[in-house]
Amino acid sequence: MGEDYYLATLDGRYLSTEVAGGFTGRVIGVYATAGTVHVDWFDYEGARSD
């Protein structure tokens, strides 16, 4: 279909209960700060930790 774009990485440990204290989940999504955005598809694939 289209092209895949690598947007960012983050260390998920900083969102864990042990580090953040009381945080129990993670949320990821698409949002716009201005104007109108049309999103046909959003897909997430977690990276493997080596």
C-alpha atoms as a PDB file:
ATOM      1  CA  MET A   1       0.000   0.000   0.000  1.00  0.00           C
ATOM      2  CA  GLY A   2       1.979   2.967   1.270  1.00  0.00           C
ATOM      3  CA  GLU A   3       5.297   3.358   2.943  1.00  0.00           C
ATOM      4  CA  ASP A   4       6.213   2.517   6.519  1.00  0.00           C
ATOM      5  CA  TYR A   5       7.667   5.347   8.572  1.00  0.00           C
ATOM      6  CA  TYR A   6       9.804   4.852  11.656  1.00  0.00           C
ATOM      7  CA  LEU A   7       8.697   7.642  13.965  1.00  0.00           C
ATOM      8  CA  ALA A   8      10.330   7.115  17.341  1.00  0.00           C
ATOM      9  CA  THR A   9      11.524   4.767  20.025  1.00  0.00           C
ATOM     10  CA  LEU A  10      11.147   4.995  23.746  1.00  0.00           C
ATOM     11  CA  ASP A  11      12.287   3.016  26.729  1.00  0.00           C
ATOM     12  CA  GLY A  12       9.085   1.540  28.141  1.00  0.00           C
ATOM     13  CA  ARG A  13      10.706   0.920  31.520  1.00  0.00           C
ATOM     14  CA  TYR A  14      10.063   4.566  32.378  1.00  0.00           C
ATOM     15  CA  LEU A  15       6.334   3.844  32.154  1.00  0.00           C
ATOM     16  CA  SER A  16       6.451   0.801  34.425  1.00  0.00           C
ATOM     17  CA  THR A  17       4.940   0.628  37.901  1.00  0.00           C
ATOM     18  CA  GLU A  18       8.381   0.214  39.436  1.00  0.00           C
ATOM     19  CA  VAL A  19       9.798   3.382  37.896  1.00  0.00           C
ATOM     20  CA  ALA A  20       6.761   5.665  37.497  1.00  0.00           C
ATOM     21  CA  GLY A  21       5.066   4.554  40.710  1.00  0.00           C
ATOM     22  CA  GLY A  22       1.464   3.442  40.323  1.00  0.00           C
ATOM     23  CA  PHE A  23       1.271   3.646  36.550  1.00  0.00           C
ATOM     24  CA  THR A  24      -0.397   0.446  35.351  1.00  0.00           C
ATOM     25  CA  GLY A  25      -0.736   0.726  31.582  1.00  0.00           C
ATOM     26  CA  ARG A  26       0.512   2.231  28.350  1.00  0.00           C
ATOM     27  CA  VAL A  27      -1.441   4.042  25.672  1.00  0.00           C
ATOM     28  CA  ILE A  28      -0.328   4.800  22.138  1.00  0.00           C
ATOM     29  CA  GLY A  29      -2.248   6.564  19.419  1.00  0.00           C
ATOM     30  CA  VAL A  30      -2.353   9.253  16.765  1.00  0.00           C
ATOM     31  CA  TYR A  31      -3.333  12.848  17.438  1.00  0.00           C
ATOM     32  CA  ALA A  32      -3.152  16.236  15.747  1.00  0.00           C
ATOM     33  CA  THR A  33      -2.317  19.548  17.375  1.00  0.00           C
ATOM     34  CA  ALA A  34      -3.945  21.654  14.652  1.00  0.00           C
ATOM     35  CA  GLY A  35      -5.994  21.326  11.499  1.00  0.00           C
ATOM     36  CA  THR A  36      -7.659  18.161  10.257  1.00  0.00           C
ATOM     37  CA  VAL A  37      -6.003  14.778   9.952  1.00  0.00           C
ATOM     38  CA  HIS A  38      -7.388  11.673   8.258  1.00  0.00           C
ATOM     39  CA  VAL A  39      -5.866   8.396   9.408  1.00  0.00           C
ATOM     40  CA  ASP A  40      -6.776   5.326   7.375  1.00  0.00           C
ATOM     41  CA  TRP A  41      -4.761   2.871   9.441  1.00  0.00           C
ATOM     42  CA  PHE A  42      -2.592   2.773  12.523  1.00  0.00           C
ATOM     43  CA  ASP A  43      -0.474  -0.240  13.417  1.00  0.00           C
ATOM     44  CA  TYR A  44       2.024  -0.803  16.199  1.00  0.00           C
ATOM     45  CA  GLU A  45       4.702  -3.444  16.477  1.00  0.00           C
ATOM     46  CA  GLY A  46       6.725  -3.599  19.660  1.00  0.00           C
ATOM     47  CA  ALA A  47      10.482  -3.797  19.390  1.00  0.00           C
ATOM     48  CA  ARG A  48      12.380  -6.732  20.807  1.00  0.00           C
ATOM     49  CA  SER A  49      14.661  -6.074  23.735  1.00  0.00           C
ATOM     50  CA  ASP A  50      18.058  -7.618  23.210  1.00  0.00           C
END
